[in-house]
All heavy atoms as atom14 arrays in JSON, in Angstrom:
{
  "sequence": "RGPMDPSGLRLGTPAVTTRGMGPDEMQAIARIIGEVARTEDQQRLGEM",
  "atom14_mask": [
    [1, 1, 1, 1, 1, 1, 1, 1, 1, 1, 1, 0, 0, 0],
    [1, 1, 1, 1, 0, 0, 0, 0, 0, 0, 0, 0, 0, 0],
    [1, 1, 1, 1, 1, 1, 1, 0, 0, 0, 0, 0, 0, 0],
    [1, 1, 1, 1, 1, 1, 1, 1, 0, 0, 0, 0, 0, 0],
    [1, 1, 1, 1, 1, 1, 1, 1, 0, 0, 0, 0, 0, 0],
    [1, 1, 1, 1, 1, 1, 1, 0, 0, 0, 0, 0, 0, 0],
    [1, 1, 1, 1, 1, 1, 0, 0, 0, 0, 0, 0, 0, 0],
    [1, 1, 1, 1, 0, 0, 0, 0, 0, 0, 0, 0, 0, 0],
    [1, 1, 1, 1, 1, 1, 1, 1, 0, 0, 0, 0, 0, 0],
    [1, 1, 1, 1, 1, 1, 1, 1, 1, 1, 1, 0, 0, 0],
    [1, 1, 1, 1, 1, 1, 1, 1, 0, 0, 0, 0, 0, 0],
    [1, 1, 1, 1, 0, 0, 0, 0, 0, 0, 0, 0, 0, 0],
    [1, 1, 1, 1, 1, 1, 1, 0, 0, 0, 0, 0, 0, 0],
    [1, 1, 1, 1, 1, 1, 1, 0, 0, 0, 0, 0, 0, 0],
    [1, 1, 1, 1, 1, 0, 0, 0, 0, 0, 0, 0, 0, 0],
    [1, 1, 1, 1, 1, 1, 1, 0, 0, 0, 0, 0, 0, 0],
    [1, 1, 1, 1, 1, 1, 1, 0, 0, 0, 0, 0, 0, 0],
    [1, 1, 1, 1, 1, 1, 1, 0, 0, 0, 0, 0, 0, 0],
    [1, 1, 1, 1, 1, 1, 1, 1, 1, 1, 1, 0, 0, 0],
    [1, 1, 1, 1, 0, 0, 0, 0, 0, 0, 0, 0, 0, 0],
    [1, 1, 1, 1, 1, 1, 1, 1, 0, 0, 0, 0, 0, 0],
    [1, 1, 1, 1, 0, 0, 0, 0, 0, 0, 0, 0, 0, 0],
    [1, 1, 1, 1, 1, 1, 1, 0, 0, 0, 0, 0, 0, 0],
    [1, 1, 1, 1, 1, 1, 1, 1, 0, 0, 0, 0, 0, 0],
    [1, 1, 1, 1, 1, 1, 1, 1, 1, 0, 0, 0, 0, 0],
    [1, 1, 1, 1, 1, 1, 1, 1, 0, 0, 0, 0, 0, 0],
    [1, 1, 1, 1, 1, 1, 1, 1, 1, 0, 0, 0, 0, 0],
    [1, 1, 1, 1, 1, 0, 0, 0, 0, 0, 0, 0, 0, 0],
    [1, 1, 1, 1, 1, 1, 1, 1, 0, 0, 0, 0, 0, 0],
    [1, 1, 1, 1, 1, 0, 0, 0, 0, 0, 0, 0, 0, 0],
    [1, 1, 1, 1, 1, 1, 1, 1, 1, 1, 1, 0, 0, 0],
    [1, 1, 1, 1, 1, 1, 1, 1, 0, 0, 0, 0, 0, 0],
    [1, 1, 1, 1, 1, 1, 1, 1, 0, 0, 0, 0, 0, 0],
    [1, 1, 1, 1, 0, 0, 0, 0, 0, 0, 0, 0, 0, 0],
    [1, 1, 1, 1, 1, 1, 1, 1, 1, 0, 0, 0, 0, 0],
    [1, 1, 1, 1, 1, 1, 1, 0, 0, 0, 0, 0, 0, 0],
    [1, 1, 1, 1, 1, 0, 0, 0, 0, 0, 0, 0, 0, 0],
    [1, 1, 1, 1, 1, 1, 1, 1, 1, 1, 1, 0, 0, 0],
    [1, 1, 1, 1, 1, 1, 1, 0, 0, 0, 0, 0, 0, 0],
    [1, 1, 1, 1, 1, 1, 1, 1, 1, 0, 0, 0, 0, 0],
    [1, 1, 1, 1, 1, 1, 1, 1, 0, 0, 0, 0, 0, 0],
    [1, 1, 1, 1, 1, 1, 1, 1, 1, 0, 0, 0, 0, 0],
    [1, 1, 1, 1, 1, 1, 1, 1, 1, 0, 0, 0, 0, 0],
    [1, 1, 1, 1, 1, 1, 1, 1, 1, 1, 1, 0, 0, 0],
    [1, 1, 1, 1, 1, 1, 1, 1, 0, 0, 0, 0, 0, 0],
    [1, 1, 1, 1, 0, 0, 0, 0, 0, 0, 0, 0, 0, 0],
    [1, 1, 1, 1, 1, 1, 1, 1, 1, 0, 0, 0, 0, 0],
    [1, 1, 1, 1, 1, 1, 1, 1, 0, 0, 0, 0, 0, 0]
  ],
  "atom14_positions": [
    [[100.47, 72.61, 140.25], [101.26, 72.55, 139.1], [102.69, 73.18, 139.35], [102.84, 73.83, 140.46], [100.73, 73.37, 137.89], [99.42, 72.95, 137.51], [98.79, 73.83, 136.4], [99.59, 73.65, 135.18], [99.41, 72.83, 134.22], [98.38, 71.9, 134.39], [100.17, 72.88, 133.13], [0.0, 0.0, 0.0], [0.0, 0.0, 0.0], [0.0, 0.0, 0.0]],
    [[103.6, 72.71, 138.66], [105.04, 73.27, 139.01], [105.2, 74.67, 138.62], [104.47, 75.33, 138.04], [0.0, 0.0, 0.0], [0.0, 0.0, 0.0], [0.0, 0.0, 0.0], [0.0, 0.0, 0.0], [0.0, 0.0, 0.0], [0.0, 0.0, 0.0], [0.0, 0.0, 0.0], [0.0, 0.0, 0.0], [0.0, 0.0, 0.0], [0.0, 0.0, 0.0]],
    [[106.37, 75.24, 139.22], [106.58, 76.7, 139.06], [106.95, 77.14, 137.73], [106.75, 78.43, 137.29], [107.91, 76.95, 140.02], [108.51, 75.55, 140.13], [107.39, 74.6, 139.95], [0.0, 0.0, 0.0], [0.0, 0.0, 0.0], [0.0, 0.0, 0.0], [0.0, 0.0, 0.0], [0.0, 0.0, 0.0], [0.0, 0.0, 0.0], [0.0, 0.0, 0.0]],
    [[107.43, 76.25, 136.85], [107.59, 76.65, 135.43], [106.38, 76.5, 134.55], [106.52, 76.9, 133.38], [108.83, 75.76, 134.92], [110.13, 76.08, 135.59], [110.56, 77.86, 135.69], [110.85, 78.12, 133.97], [0.0, 0.0, 0.0], [0.0, 0.0, 0.0], [0.0, 0.0, 0.0], [0.0, 0.0, 0.0], [0.0, 0.0, 0.0], [0.0, 0.0, 0.0]],
    [[105.44, 75.9, 135.04], [104.15, 75.8, 134.22], [102.96, 75.84, 135.19], [102.19, 74.92, 135.34], [104.12, 74.58, 133.42], [102.89, 74.6, 132.36], [102.32, 75.71, 132.17], [102.54, 73.47, 131.86], [0.0, 0.0, 0.0], [0.0, 0.0, 0.0], [0.0, 0.0, 0.0], [0.0, 0.0, 0.0], [0.0, 0.0, 0.0], [0.0, 0.0, 0.0]],
    [[102.9, 77.07, 136.02], [101.8, 77.0, 136.92], [100.38, 77.34, 136.35], [100.28, 77.49, 135.14], [102.25, 78.28, 137.75], [102.96, 79.06, 136.79], [103.61, 78.22, 135.78], [0.0, 0.0, 0.0], [0.0, 0.0, 0.0], [0.0, 0.0, 0.0], [0.0, 0.0, 0.0], [0.0, 0.0, 0.0], [0.0, 0.0, 0.0], [0.0, 0.0, 0.0]],
    [[99.53, 77.54, 137.23], [98.19, 77.64, 136.79], [97.76, 79.18, 136.44], [96.81, 79.47, 135.86], [97.13, 77.18, 137.84], [97.36, 75.71, 138.16], [0.0, 0.0, 0.0], [0.0, 0.0, 0.0], [0.0, 0.0, 0.0], [0.0, 0.0, 0.0], [0.0, 0.0, 0.0], [0.0, 0.0, 0.0], [0.0, 0.0, 0.0], [0.0, 0.0, 0.0]],
    [[98.67, 80.0, 137.17], [98.22, 81.37, 137.0], [99.03, 82.31, 136.12], [100.05, 81.94, 135.51], [0.0, 0.0, 0.0], [0.0, 0.0, 0.0], [0.0, 0.0, 0.0], [0.0, 0.0, 0.0], [0.0, 0.0, 0.0], [0.0, 0.0, 0.0], [0.0, 0.0, 0.0], [0.0, 0.0, 0.0], [0.0, 0.0, 0.0], [0.0, 0.0, 0.0]],
    [[98.59, 83.49, 136.08], [99.18, 84.6, 135.35], [99.16, 85.97, 136.02], [97.88, 86.33, 136.43], [98.38, 84.63, 133.98], [99.09, 85.42, 132.72], [100.24, 84.56, 132.15], [98.2, 85.94, 131.65], [0.0, 0.0, 0.0], [0.0, 0.0, 0.0], [0.0, 0.0, 0.0], [0.0, 0.0, 0.0], [0.0, 0.0, 0.0], [0.0, 0.0, 0.0]],
    [[100.28, 86.5, 136.14], [100.27, 87.85, 136.85], [100.49, 88.9, 135.81], [101.25, 88.85, 135.02], [101.4, 87.92, 137.88], [101.42, 89.15, 138.73], [102.66, 89.28, 139.58], [103.85, 89.56, 138.82], [105.14, 90.04, 139.23], [105.12, 90.33, 140.61], [106.01, 90.25, 138.43], [0.0, 0.0, 0.0], [0.0, 0.0, 0.0], [0.0, 0.0, 0.0]],
    [[99.73, 90.0, 135.92], [99.91, 91.22, 135.06], [99.5, 92.5, 135.91], [98.92, 92.38, 136.96], [99.06, 91.03, 133.85], [97.5, 91.11, 134.06], [96.78, 91.56, 132.79], [97.0, 89.51, 134.29], [0.0, 0.0, 0.0], [0.0, 0.0, 0.0], [0.0, 0.0, 0.0], [0.0, 0.0, 0.0], [0.0, 0.0, 0.0], [0.0, 0.0, 0.0]],
    [[100.09, 93.6, 135.37], [99.84, 94.96, 136.02], [99.88, 96.04, 135.16], [100.27, 95.94, 133.93], [0.0, 0.0, 0.0], [0.0, 0.0, 0.0], [0.0, 0.0, 0.0], [0.0, 0.0, 0.0], [0.0, 0.0, 0.0], [0.0, 0.0, 0.0], [0.0, 0.0, 0.0], [0.0, 0.0, 0.0], [0.0, 0.0, 0.0], [0.0, 0.0, 0.0]],
    [[99.61, 97.18, 135.7], [99.38, 98.39, 134.96], [100.51, 99.54, 135.07], [100.33, 100.53, 134.45], [98.0, 99.02, 135.31], [98.02, 99.28, 136.67], [96.83, 98.17, 134.96], [0.0, 0.0, 0.0], [0.0, 0.0, 0.0], [0.0, 0.0, 0.0], [0.0, 0.0, 0.0], [0.0, 0.0, 0.0], [0.0, 0.0, 0.0], [0.0, 0.0, 0.0]],
    [[101.54, 99.36, 135.75], [102.48, 100.46, 135.94], [103.08, 100.9, 134.58], [103.17, 102.13, 134.3], [103.58, 99.91, 136.77], [102.91, 98.81, 137.62], [101.91, 98.19, 136.73], [0.0, 0.0, 0.0], [0.0, 0.0, 0.0], [0.0, 0.0, 0.0], [0.0, 0.0, 0.0], [0.0, 0.0, 0.0], [0.0, 0.0, 0.0], [0.0, 0.0, 0.0]],
    [[103.51, 99.97, 133.68], [104.32, 100.44, 132.46], [103.3, 101.11, 131.55], [103.62, 102.1, 130.91], [104.97, 99.27, 131.92], [0.0, 0.0, 0.0], [0.0, 0.0, 0.0], [0.0, 0.0, 0.0], [0.0, 0.0, 0.0], [0.0, 0.0, 0.0], [0.0, 0.0, 0.0], [0.0, 0.0, 0.0], [0.0, 0.0, 0.0], [0.0, 0.0, 0.0]],
    [[102.08, 100.41, 131.27], [101.17, 101.06, 130.28], [100.68, 102.32, 130.76], [100.4, 103.32, 129.95], [100.09, 100.04, 129.89], [100.63, 98.83, 129.21], [99.37, 99.52, 131.18], [0.0, 0.0, 0.0], [0.0, 0.0, 0.0], [0.0, 0.0, 0.0], [0.0, 0.0, 0.0], [0.0, 0.0, 0.0], [0.0, 0.0, 0.0], [0.0, 0.0, 0.0]],
    [[100.56, 102.5, 132.09], [100.13, 103.74, 132.69], [101.1, 104.93, 132.49], [100.85, 106.08, 132.11], [99.72, 103.66, 134.07], [98.78, 102.63, 134.23], [99.13, 105.03, 134.64], [0.0, 0.0, 0.0], [0.0, 0.0, 0.0], [0.0, 0.0, 0.0], [0.0, 0.0, 0.0], [0.0, 0.0, 0.0], [0.0, 0.0, 0.0], [0.0, 0.0, 0.0]],
    [[102.43, 104.48, 132.59], [103.55, 105.28, 132.34], [103.45, 105.81, 130.88], [103.76, 107.09, 130.58], [104.89, 104.7, 132.61], [104.93, 104.51, 133.94], [106.03, 105.63, 132.18], [0.0, 0.0, 0.0], [0.0, 0.0, 0.0], [0.0, 0.0, 0.0], [0.0, 0.0, 0.0], [0.0, 0.0, 0.0], [0.0, 0.0, 0.0], [0.0, 0.0, 0.0]],
    [[103.09, 105.02, 129.99], [102.96, 105.37, 128.56], [101.74, 106.27, 128.22], [101.68, 106.81, 127.13], [102.98, 104.18, 127.62], [104.26, 103.49, 127.57], [104.31, 102.27, 126.66], [104.27, 102.7, 125.22], [104.47, 101.85, 124.19], [104.82, 100.55, 124.42], [104.64, 102.26, 122.97], [0.0, 0.0, 0.0], [0.0, 0.0, 0.0], [0.0, 0.0, 0.0]],
    [[100.94, 106.52, 129.19], [99.8, 107.28, 129.09], [98.5, 106.69, 128.77], [97.52, 107.33, 128.43], [0.0, 0.0, 0.0], [0.0, 0.0, 0.0], [0.0, 0.0, 0.0], [0.0, 0.0, 0.0], [0.0, 0.0, 0.0], [0.0, 0.0, 0.0], [0.0, 0.0, 0.0], [0.0, 0.0, 0.0], [0.0, 0.0, 0.0], [0.0, 0.0, 0.0]],
    [[98.39, 105.32, 128.91], [97.19, 104.64, 128.59], [96.21, 104.78, 129.84], [96.45, 105.01, 130.97], [97.36, 103.13, 128.39], [98.29, 102.94, 127.08], [98.51, 101.15, 126.71], [99.9, 101.33, 125.45], [0.0, 0.0, 0.0], [0.0, 0.0, 0.0], [0.0, 0.0, 0.0], [0.0, 0.0, 0.0], [0.0, 0.0, 0.0], [0.0, 0.0, 0.0]],
    [[94.86, 104.69, 129.4], [93.89, 104.84, 130.43], [92.82, 103.9, 130.29], [92.96, 102.75, 129.71], [0.0, 0.0, 0.0], [0.0, 0.0, 0.0], [0.0, 0.0, 0.0], [0.0, 0.0, 0.0], [0.0, 0.0, 0.0], [0.0, 0.0, 0.0], [0.0, 0.0, 0.0], [0.0, 0.0, 0.0], [0.0, 0.0, 0.0], [0.0, 0.0, 0.0]],
    [[91.64, 104.04, 130.88], [90.41, 103.16, 130.86], [90.1, 102.48, 129.52], [89.89, 101.31, 129.46], [89.33, 103.89, 131.47], [89.88, 105.02, 132.31], [91.2, 105.28, 131.56], [0.0, 0.0, 0.0], [0.0, 0.0, 0.0], [0.0, 0.0, 0.0], [0.0, 0.0, 0.0], [0.0, 0.0, 0.0], [0.0, 0.0, 0.0], [0.0, 0.0, 0.0]],
    [[90.11, 103.27, 128.45], [89.73, 102.74, 127.27], [90.76, 101.69, 126.7], [90.38, 100.62, 126.19], [89.56, 103.86, 126.12], [88.37, 104.71, 126.29], [87.59, 104.46, 127.08], [88.39, 105.9, 125.72], [0.0, 0.0, 0.0], [0.0, 0.0, 0.0], [0.0, 0.0, 0.0], [0.0, 0.0, 0.0], [0.0, 0.0, 0.0], [0.0, 0.0, 0.0]],
    [[92.02, 101.94, 126.89], [92.95, 100.98, 126.57], [92.95, 99.73, 127.5], [93.17, 98.71, 126.96], [94.4, 101.62, 126.64], [94.78, 102.73, 125.57], [94.0, 103.96, 125.76], [93.78, 104.42, 126.97], [93.59, 104.63, 124.71], [0.0, 0.0, 0.0], [0.0, 0.0, 0.0], [0.0, 0.0, 0.0], [0.0, 0.0, 0.0], [0.0, 0.0, 0.0]],
    [[92.55, 99.93, 128.74], [92.59, 98.8, 129.72], [91.41, 97.85, 129.02], [91.49, 96.63, 129.23], [92.18, 99.27, 131.01], [93.26, 100.11, 131.73], [94.9, 99.32, 131.63], [95.76, 100.48, 130.41], [0.0, 0.0, 0.0], [0.0, 0.0, 0.0], [0.0, 0.0, 0.0], [0.0, 0.0, 0.0], [0.0, 0.0, 0.0], [0.0, 0.0, 0.0]],
    [[90.34, 98.42, 128.67], [89.23, 97.59, 128.05], [89.7, 96.83, 126.87], [89.43, 95.71, 126.58], [88.09, 98.59, 127.57], [87.34, 99.16, 128.74], [86.41, 98.25, 129.58], [86.05, 97.09, 129.06], [85.85, 98.72, 130.72], [0.0, 0.0, 0.0], [0.0, 0.0, 0.0], [0.0, 0.0, 0.0], [0.0, 0.0, 0.0], [0.0, 0.0, 0.0]],
    [[90.48, 97.56, 125.97], [91.13, 96.88, 124.73], [92.0, 95.85, 125.14], [92.11, 94.77, 124.55], [91.73, 97.94, 123.97], [0.0, 0.0, 0.0], [0.0, 0.0, 0.0], [0.0, 0.0, 0.0], [0.0, 0.0, 0.0], [0.0, 0.0, 0.0], [0.0, 0.0, 0.0], [0.0, 0.0, 0.0], [0.0, 0.0, 0.0], [0.0, 0.0, 0.0]],
    [[92.9, 95.96, 126.09], [93.91, 95.02, 126.59], [93.09, 93.8, 127.13], [93.58, 92.72, 126.81], [94.8, 95.62, 127.55], [95.64, 96.6, 126.96], [95.6, 94.53, 128.23], [96.48, 97.6, 127.86], [0.0, 0.0, 0.0], [0.0, 0.0, 0.0], [0.0, 0.0, 0.0], [0.0, 0.0, 0.0], [0.0, 0.0, 0.0], [0.0, 0.0, 0.0]],
    [[92.05, 94.06, 127.86], [91.23, 92.84, 128.41], [90.63, 92.03, 127.2], [90.66, 90.85, 127.25], [90.23, 93.36, 129.31], [0.0, 0.0, 0.0], [0.0, 0.0, 0.0], [0.0, 0.0, 0.0], [0.0, 0.0, 0.0], [0.0, 0.0, 0.0], [0.0, 0.0, 0.0], [0.0, 0.0, 0.0], [0.0, 0.0, 0.0], [0.0, 0.0, 0.0]],
    [[90.17, 92.72, 126.2], [89.62, 92.06, 125.01], [90.68, 91.19, 124.28], [90.47, 90.02, 123.94], [88.99, 92.96, 124.05], [87.69, 93.51, 124.58], [86.92, 94.36, 123.4], [87.61, 95.44, 122.96], [87.54, 96.65, 123.49], [86.67, 96.9, 124.53], [88.12, 97.66, 122.9], [0.0, 0.0, 0.0], [0.0, 0.0, 0.0], [0.0, 0.0, 0.0]],
    [[91.78, 91.75, 124.25], [93.0, 91.09, 123.6], [93.39, 89.81, 124.37], [93.52, 88.78, 123.69], [94.2, 92.06, 123.47], [93.98, 93.1, 122.42], [95.47, 91.16, 123.02], [94.92, 94.29, 122.44], [0.0, 0.0, 0.0], [0.0, 0.0, 0.0], [0.0, 0.0, 0.0], [0.0, 0.0, 0.0], [0.0, 0.0, 0.0], [0.0, 0.0, 0.0]],
    [[93.49, 89.94, 125.56], [93.77, 88.86, 126.36], [92.88, 87.74, 126.42], [93.1, 86.53, 126.26], [94.09, 89.26, 127.89], [95.3, 90.23, 128.0], [94.19, 88.07, 128.88], [95.45, 90.82, 129.39], [0.0, 0.0, 0.0], [0.0, 0.0, 0.0], [0.0, 0.0, 0.0], [0.0, 0.0, 0.0], [0.0, 0.0, 0.0], [0.0, 0.0, 0.0]],
    [[91.52, 88.19, 126.35], [90.42, 87.13, 126.32], [90.46, 86.42, 125.02], [90.39, 85.19, 124.92], [0.0, 0.0, 0.0], [0.0, 0.0, 0.0], [0.0, 0.0, 0.0], [0.0, 0.0, 0.0], [0.0, 0.0, 0.0], [0.0, 0.0, 0.0], [0.0, 0.0, 0.0], [0.0, 0.0, 0.0], [0.0, 0.0, 0.0], [0.0, 0.0, 0.0]],
    [[90.76, 87.26, 123.96], [90.78, 86.52, 122.62], [91.97, 85.49, 122.58], [91.96, 84.47, 122.06], [90.77, 87.48, 121.49], [90.93, 86.82, 120.13], [90.73, 87.72, 118.97], [90.36, 89.0, 119.09], [90.9, 87.33, 117.79], [0.0, 0.0, 0.0], [0.0, 0.0, 0.0], [0.0, 0.0, 0.0], [0.0, 0.0, 0.0], [0.0, 0.0, 0.0]],
    [[93.09, 85.99, 123.04], [94.34, 85.08, 122.9], [94.13, 83.9, 123.68], [94.52, 82.75, 123.39], [95.57, 85.9, 123.5], [96.74, 85.03, 123.69], [95.81, 87.13, 122.51], [0.0, 0.0, 0.0], [0.0, 0.0, 0.0], [0.0, 0.0, 0.0], [0.0, 0.0, 0.0], [0.0, 0.0, 0.0], [0.0, 0.0, 0.0], [0.0, 0.0, 0.0]],
    [[93.5, 83.95, 124.86], [93.27, 82.84, 125.79], [92.34, 81.91, 125.02], [92.44, 80.69, 125.43], [92.62, 83.27, 127.06], [0.0, 0.0, 0.0], [0.0, 0.0, 0.0], [0.0, 0.0, 0.0], [0.0, 0.0, 0.0], [0.0, 0.0, 0.0], [0.0, 0.0, 0.0], [0.0, 0.0, 0.0], [0.0, 0.0, 0.0], [0.0, 0.0, 0.0]],
    [[91.62, 82.31, 124.15], [90.64, 81.29, 123.51], [91.03, 80.75, 122.14], [90.28, 80.09, 121.47], [89.25, 81.98, 123.42], [88.59, 82.27, 124.7], [87.11, 82.71, 124.57], [87.07, 84.15, 124.19], [87.04, 85.24, 125.0], [87.09, 84.94, 126.28], [87.02, 86.5, 124.53], [0.0, 0.0, 0.0], [0.0, 0.0, 0.0], [0.0, 0.0, 0.0]],
    [[92.27, 81.18, 121.84], [92.72, 80.67, 120.46], [94.23, 80.14, 120.51], [94.94, 80.69, 121.28], [92.65, 81.84, 119.39], [93.1, 81.35, 118.13], [93.56, 82.93, 119.62], [0.0, 0.0, 0.0], [0.0, 0.0, 0.0], [0.0, 0.0, 0.0], [0.0, 0.0, 0.0], [0.0, 0.0, 0.0], [0.0, 0.0, 0.0], [0.0, 0.0, 0.0]],
    [[94.48, 79.22, 119.7], [95.7, 78.67, 119.52], [96.27, 78.85, 118.16], [97.32, 78.4, 117.77], [95.82, 77.13, 119.9], [95.52, 76.77, 121.33], [95.54, 75.3, 121.55], [96.76, 74.76, 121.55], [94.63, 74.65, 121.98], [0.0, 0.0, 0.0], [0.0, 0.0, 0.0], [0.0, 0.0, 0.0], [0.0, 0.0, 0.0], [0.0, 0.0, 0.0]],
    [[95.53, 79.56, 117.27], [95.87, 79.73, 115.86], [96.98, 80.75, 115.88], [96.83, 81.91, 116.1], [94.58, 80.28, 115.17], [94.83, 80.42, 113.74], [95.76, 81.2, 113.22], [94.07, 79.83, 112.99], [0.0, 0.0, 0.0], [0.0, 0.0, 0.0], [0.0, 0.0, 0.0], [0.0, 0.0, 0.0], [0.0, 0.0, 0.0], [0.0, 0.0, 0.0]],
    [[98.21, 80.27, 115.34], [99.34, 80.98, 115.24], [99.19, 82.16, 114.3], [99.77, 83.18, 114.47], [100.5, 80.16, 114.86], [100.89, 79.1, 115.99], [101.39, 79.81, 117.34], [102.21, 80.65, 117.31], [100.72, 79.29, 118.31], [0.0, 0.0, 0.0], [0.0, 0.0, 0.0], [0.0, 0.0, 0.0], [0.0, 0.0, 0.0], [0.0, 0.0, 0.0]],
    [[98.49, 81.99, 113.16], [98.21, 82.9, 112.25], [97.56, 84.15, 112.86], [97.78, 85.33, 112.66], [97.55, 82.5, 110.89], [97.41, 83.61, 109.94], [96.65, 83.1, 108.7], [96.67, 81.86, 108.42], [96.15, 83.96, 107.86], [0.0, 0.0, 0.0], [0.0, 0.0, 0.0], [0.0, 0.0, 0.0], [0.0, 0.0, 0.0], [0.0, 0.0, 0.0]],
    [[96.5, 83.83, 113.59], [95.62, 84.77, 114.26], [96.5, 85.5, 115.25], [96.4, 86.83, 115.39], [94.45, 84.16, 114.95], [93.47, 85.1, 115.66], [92.96, 86.36, 114.81], [92.35, 87.49, 115.49], [92.51, 88.7, 115.37], [93.17, 89.07, 114.4], [91.78, 89.49, 115.97], [0.0, 0.0, 0.0], [0.0, 0.0, 0.0], [0.0, 0.0, 0.0]],
    [[97.19, 84.85, 116.14], [98.16, 85.42, 117.03], [99.09, 86.48, 116.37], [99.38, 87.54, 116.95], [98.87, 84.43, 117.89], [98.09, 83.54, 118.79], [98.94, 82.41, 119.39], [97.33, 84.31, 119.9], [0.0, 0.0, 0.0], [0.0, 0.0, 0.0], [0.0, 0.0, 0.0], [0.0, 0.0, 0.0], [0.0, 0.0, 0.0], [0.0, 0.0, 0.0]],
    [[99.61, 86.02, 115.2], [100.45, 87.05, 114.5], [99.73, 88.27, 114.06], [100.24, 89.45, 114.0], [0.0, 0.0, 0.0], [0.0, 0.0, 0.0], [0.0, 0.0, 0.0], [0.0, 0.0, 0.0], [0.0, 0.0, 0.0], [0.0, 0.0, 0.0], [0.0, 0.0, 0.0], [0.0, 0.0, 0.0], [0.0, 0.0, 0.0], [0.0, 0.0, 0.0]],
    [[98.44, 88.03, 113.61], [97.65, 89.26, 113.2], [97.42, 90.18, 114.34], [97.43, 91.34, 114.16], [96.36, 88.78, 112.56], [96.56, 87.96, 111.23], [95.33, 87.41, 110.9], [94.3, 87.2, 111.55], [95.15, 86.84, 109.76], [0.0, 0.0, 0.0], [0.0, 0.0, 0.0], [0.0, 0.0, 0.0], [0.0, 0.0, 0.0], [0.0, 0.0, 0.0]],
    [[97.13, 89.5, 115.51], [96.82, 90.28, 116.68], [98.18, 91.12, 117.2], [98.0, 92.17, 117.77], [96.48, 89.49, 117.87], [95.13, 88.77, 117.53], [94.46, 87.84, 118.98], [94.12, 89.17, 120.16], [0.0, 0.0, 0.0], [0.0, 0.0, 0.0], [0.0, 0.0, 0.0], [0.0, 0.0, 0.0], [0.0, 0.0, 0.0], [0.0, 0.0, 0.0]]
  ]
}
């Protein structure tokens, strides 16, 4: 796929760790990403 719409997504933990987040928050973030990936509902995304 082209560079402006590639297949992948890069993410990392430096900034959220700086804010003091830990393992519990990482679990929560993973759940959020998983739910977002499975929905296109704009209202639900706004609620999230």
